[in-house]
Amino acid sequence: MSKKLLYLVIASSLCLPLIGYAQTACWLLKPVYQSITPFGESYYKVNTYSTMAIFDTNGNKIVEADSITYITNGYALALTNTNGKFRLKAIIDKSGNVKDISEEYYVDDYHFFSEDMLGVSNDKGKSGYINPDGKLEIPFIYVSVHPFREGLASVFKPKKGLKGLIGSVTNKKAIVGSATYVNHKGAELNIRDGKNYPTFTASFKNGKGLVQMEDGSSFYVDPKGNRLEDGPNNKELG
């Protein structure tokens, strides 16, 4: 059955018994959904007023959750709303394969995989990264994580002893620490300058990442952390 036909008749199919000229209409999916849209290679996402679900073309439900994201970079996320936080229930690839997640992972600002890595947090609010199999690749040691770009991700790590250094706000609470970049293996770039710590790192673009330091200065670094040219001043960074 083509996606176009299934969509136009609101996911119904025709059963054609050979009794005279009679035709019997059989619903593949009963007309009780708010919307039905194609999903991946041969699946459909249905939306009610309270939940979402993925069905195959035979009408079999493969996963249901409070929210299901679009497929981005090969994967979608099935999420459960738990006291206002989105807990990861399952990872779905474009072929409809579902990886159920039993661990308590929460998805914060970025609801998508980037370079086969997904930023998640634990029940204590610390963040790390998992792979498409749900395995924790980078441990929960950060308070803020961003999507990977060009092999590196911008992260913020709490650090004792940095008095008055505010570089990240989580749950409306100032966090004292420093920013840096981390690669897929969990290794961090060393971009501090003596006692002058980075308070902001922007995602890499065209081989360069922008860093802002505690003293307000800024500069660009290459993927190895080597300093390149100066960056915009503090006013331009906002």
Protein backbone atom coordinates (compact mmCIF):
# COMPACT_ATOMS: atom_id res chain seq x y z
CA MET A 1 0.00 0.00 0.00
CA SER A 2 1.47 3.37 -0.97
CA LYS A 3 1.93 6.15 1.54
CA LYS A 4 -0.11 8.47 -0.64
CA LEU A 5 -3.14 6.15 -0.73
CA LEU A 6 -2.91 5.42 2.98
CA TYR A 7 -2.75 9.09 3.84
CA LEU A 8 -5.59 10.19 1.54
CA VAL A 9 -8.06 7.70 2.94
CA ILE A 10 -6.99 8.37 6.53
CA ALA A 11 -5.10 5.13 6.87
CA SER A 12 -7.89 2.87 5.65
CA SER A 13 -7.70 -0.08 3.30
CA LEU A 14 -10.29 -1.94 1.25
CA CYS A 15 -11.09 -5.60 1.83
CA LEU A 16 -12.59 -6.99 -1.37
CA PRO A 17 -14.50 -10.24 -0.71
CA LEU A 18 -15.61 -12.01 -3.88
CA ILE A 19 -19.33 -12.05 -3.02
CA GLY A 20 -21.31 -10.50 -5.89
CA TYR A 21 -20.23 -6.93 -6.32
CA ALA A 22 -20.03 -6.10 -2.62
CA GLN A 23 -17.06 -4.29 -1.15
CA THR A 24 -16.40 -4.07 2.56
CA ALA A 25 -14.35 -1.15 3.93
CA CYS A 26 -11.99 -2.24 6.71
CA TRP A 27 -10.19 0.39 8.76
CA LEU A 28 -6.47 -0.18 9.03
CA LEU A 29 -6.37 2.48 11.73
CA LYS A 30 -9.66 3.51 13.26
CA PRO A 31 -10.58 7.19 12.66
CA VAL A 32 -9.92 8.33 16.21
CA TYR A 33 -6.69 10.27 15.71
CA GLN A 34 -6.00 13.97 15.49
CA SER A 35 -3.46 13.52 12.69
CA ILE A 36 -1.61 10.83 10.71
CA THR A 37 1.69 11.59 8.99
CA PRO A 38 4.34 9.46 7.21
CA PHE A 39 7.25 8.46 9.44
CA GLY A 40 10.53 7.01 8.22
CA GLU A 41 10.63 4.50 5.39
CA SER A 42 7.29 2.70 5.81
CA TYR A 43 5.67 3.82 9.03
CA TYR A 44 3.17 6.38 10.24
CA LYS A 45 3.02 8.65 13.25
CA VAL A 46 -0.42 9.20 14.74
CA ASN A 47 -1.31 11.93 17.17
CA THR A 48 -4.15 11.97 19.66
CA TYR A 49 -4.86 14.84 22.00
CA SER A 50 -2.68 13.28 24.70
CA THR A 51 -0.18 10.82 23.19
CA MET A 52 1.67 9.88 20.00
CA ALA A 53 2.37 6.47 18.48
CA ILE A 54 4.14 4.85 15.54
CA PHE A 55 2.29 2.23 13.43
CA ASP A 56 3.46 0.06 10.56
CA THR A 57 1.42 -0.32 7.35
CA ASN A 58 -0.36 -3.36 8.80
CA GLY A 59 -1.76 -1.28 11.63
CA ASN A 60 0.58 -2.67 14.29
CA LYS A 61 1.66 -0.22 16.97
CA ILE A 62 5.42 -0.32 17.52
CA VAL A 63 5.80 2.40 20.17
CA GLU A 64 3.67 4.92 22.07
CA ALA A 65 4.77 7.90 24.17
CA ASP A 66 3.74 11.34 25.33
CA SER A 67 5.84 12.86 22.54
CA ILE A 68 7.75 11.51 19.53
CA THR A 69 10.19 13.77 17.73
CA TYR A 70 10.80 14.02 13.99
CA ILE A 71 13.54 11.83 12.56
CA THR A 72 16.70 13.93 12.65
CA ASN A 73 20.11 12.63 11.60
CA GLY A 74 18.64 9.12 11.31
CA TYR A 75 16.82 8.86 14.64
CA ALA A 76 13.69 9.94 16.49
CA LEU A 77 13.08 10.01 20.24
CA ALA A 78 10.07 8.70 22.14
CA LEU A 79 9.68 10.79 25.28
CA THR A 80 7.60 10.53 28.45
CA ASN A 81 6.62 13.68 30.32
CA THR A 82 7.63 13.14 33.94
CA ASN A 83 6.80 16.11 36.17
CA GLY A 84 7.63 18.53 33.38
CA LYS A 85 10.83 16.74 32.35
CA PHE A 86 11.14 14.62 29.20
CA ARG A 87 12.42 11.15 30.03
CA LEU A 88 13.80 9.10 27.13
CA LYS A 89 11.59 6.05 26.56
CA ALA A 90 12.95 4.74 23.26
CA ILE A 91 15.14 5.53 20.25
CA ILE A 92 13.63 4.86 16.81
CA ASP A 93 15.61 4.71 13.58
CA LYS A 94 14.28 5.52 10.12
CA SER A 95 13.63 1.80 9.42
CA GLY A 96 11.28 1.58 12.40
CA ASN A 97 13.64 -0.33 14.70
CA VAL A 98 12.96 0.57 18.33
CA LYS A 99 15.55 0.57 21.11
CA ASP A 100 13.78 0.67 24.46
CA ILE A 101 15.61 2.65 27.14
CA SER A 102 15.36 1.36 30.71
CA GLU A 103 17.92 3.75 32.20
CA GLU A 104 16.72 7.06 33.64
CA TYR A 105 17.84 9.47 30.95
CA TYR A 106 16.29 12.90 30.46
CA VAL A 107 16.48 15.03 27.32
CA ASP A 108 16.80 18.75 27.89
CA ASP A 109 17.24 21.43 25.22
CA TYR A 110 18.34 19.40 22.19
CA HIS A 111 15.93 16.60 21.25
CA PHE A 112 18.02 15.04 18.48
CA PHE A 113 21.17 13.05 17.77
CA SER A 114 24.19 14.80 16.29
CA GLU A 115 27.07 12.71 14.95
CA ASP A 116 25.45 9.66 16.62
CA MET A 117 25.57 11.30 20.05
CA LEU A 118 22.66 12.53 22.17
CA GLY A 119 23.06 14.82 25.16
CA VAL A 120 21.11 13.51 28.16
CA SER A 121 20.98 14.16 31.89
CA ASN A 122 20.47 11.92 34.91
CA ASP A 123 18.13 12.33 37.88
CA LYS A 124 20.73 14.52 39.62
CA GLY A 125 20.84 17.03 36.77
CA LYS A 126 24.32 16.12 35.52
CA SER A 127 24.71 15.71 31.75
CA GLY A 128 26.59 13.40 29.39
CA TYR A 129 26.12 11.67 26.01
CA ILE A 130 24.69 8.36 24.82
CA ASN A 131 24.96 6.56 21.46
CA PRO A 132 22.02 5.25 19.33
CA ASP A 133 22.10 1.96 21.28
CA GLY A 134 21.41 3.85 24.50
CA LYS A 135 24.92 3.23 25.85
CA LEU A 136 26.49 6.00 27.91
CA GLU A 137 29.55 7.13 25.96
CA ILE A 138 30.51 10.25 27.93
CA PRO A 139 29.74 10.20 31.68
CA PHE A 140 27.48 12.54 33.63
CA ILE A 141 30.04 15.16 34.64
CA TYR A 142 28.67 18.32 32.97
CA VAL A 143 25.94 20.81 33.81
CA SER A 144 25.37 21.83 30.20
CA VAL A 145 25.98 19.98 26.92
CA HIS A 146 25.42 20.97 23.28
CA PRO A 147 25.17 18.99 20.03
CA PHE A 148 28.33 17.69 18.37
CA ARG A 149 29.62 19.54 15.33
CA GLU A 150 32.77 18.66 13.40
CA GLY A 151 33.73 16.06 15.99
CA LEU A 152 33.48 18.31 19.07
CA ALA A 153 30.76 19.50 21.42
CA SER A 154 30.58 22.58 23.63
CA VAL A 155 30.15 21.66 27.30
CA PHE A 156 30.19 23.39 30.69
CA LYS A 157 31.76 21.69 33.68
CA PRO A 158 31.39 22.66 37.34
CA LYS A 159 34.71 23.46 38.96
CA LYS A 160 35.44 24.28 42.58
CA GLY A 161 37.64 27.20 43.49
CA LEU A 162 36.60 29.52 40.66
CA LYS A 163 35.11 32.24 42.84
CA GLY A 164 32.62 34.50 41.13
CA LEU A 165 32.94 32.78 37.76
CA ILE A 166 29.45 32.39 36.32
CA GLY A 167 29.24 30.71 32.93
CA SER A 168 26.08 28.61 33.00
CA VAL A 169 22.63 28.82 34.52
CA THR A 170 20.71 25.61 35.25
CA ASN A 171 17.26 25.69 36.83
CA LYS A 172 17.72 29.42 37.51
CA LYS A 173 20.76 28.70 39.67
CA ALA A 174 24.22 30.13 38.96
CA ILE A 175 26.84 27.43 38.41
CA VAL A 176 30.53 28.08 39.05
CA GLY A 177 32.77 26.32 36.55
CA SER A 178 34.33 26.53 33.10
CA ALA A 179 33.46 25.83 29.48
CA THR A 180 35.39 23.65 27.06
CA TYR A 181 35.04 21.22 24.14
CA VAL A 182 34.81 17.43 24.33
CA ASN A 183 35.37 14.86 21.55
CA HIS A 184 33.55 11.57 20.92
CA LYS A 185 35.89 9.70 23.25
CA GLY A 186 35.27 12.09 26.12
CA ALA A 187 38.63 13.87 25.89
CA GLU A 188 38.49 17.61 26.60
CA LEU A 189 40.45 20.36 24.89
CA ASN A 190 42.75 22.36 27.17
CA ILE A 191 41.96 25.95 26.28
CA ARG A 192 42.56 27.67 29.62
CA ASP A 193 45.19 30.40 29.84
CA GLY A 194 46.85 30.10 33.21
CA LYS A 195 44.23 31.11 35.76
CA ASN A 196 42.06 32.64 33.03
CA TYR A 197 39.31 30.09 32.38
CA PRO A 198 36.89 29.96 29.43
CA THR A 199 33.31 30.85 30.36
CA PHE A 200 31.76 30.28 26.93
CA THR A 201 32.46 28.05 23.93
CA ALA A 202 30.46 28.17 20.69
CA SER A 203 29.89 25.15 18.45
CA PHE A 204 32.55 24.53 15.80
CA LYS A 205 31.96 25.85 12.29
CA ASN A 206 34.34 25.57 9.34
CA GLY A 207 37.12 24.22 11.53
CA LYS A 208 36.95 26.95 14.17
CA GLY A 209 35.36 27.31 17.62
CA LEU A 210 34.81 30.61 19.41
CA VAL A 211 35.96 30.86 23.03
CA GLN A 212 35.30 33.63 25.54
CA MET A 213 37.46 33.88 28.64
CA GLU A 214 36.82 34.97 32.20
CA ASP A 215 38.52 38.33 31.59
CA GLY A 216 36.17 39.10 28.65
CA SER A 217 38.67 38.37 25.88
CA SER A 218 37.74 36.00 23.06
CA PHE A 219 39.50 34.06 20.33
CA TYR A 220 39.05 31.14 17.93
CA VAL A 221 40.62 27.70 18.36
CA ASP A 222 41.19 24.81 15.95
CA PRO A 223 40.01 21.22 16.67
CA LYS A 224 43.18 20.58 18.70
CA GLY A 225 42.65 23.60 20.91
CA ASN A 226 45.36 25.71 19.30
CA ARG A 227 44.63 29.41 19.38
CA LEU A 228 43.95 31.06 16.03
CA GLU A 229 42.87 34.68 15.53
CA ASP A 230 41.18 36.95 18.06
CA GLY A 231 37.40 36.87 18.31
CA PRO A 232 34.79 39.64 18.72
CA ASN A 233 34.89 41.79 21.83
CA ASN A 234 32.62 41.34 24.81
CA LYS A 235 29.98 43.81 23.55
CA GLU A 236 29.71 42.04 20.21
CA LEU A 237 29.21 38.71 21.96
CA GLY A 238 26.34 40.21 23.93
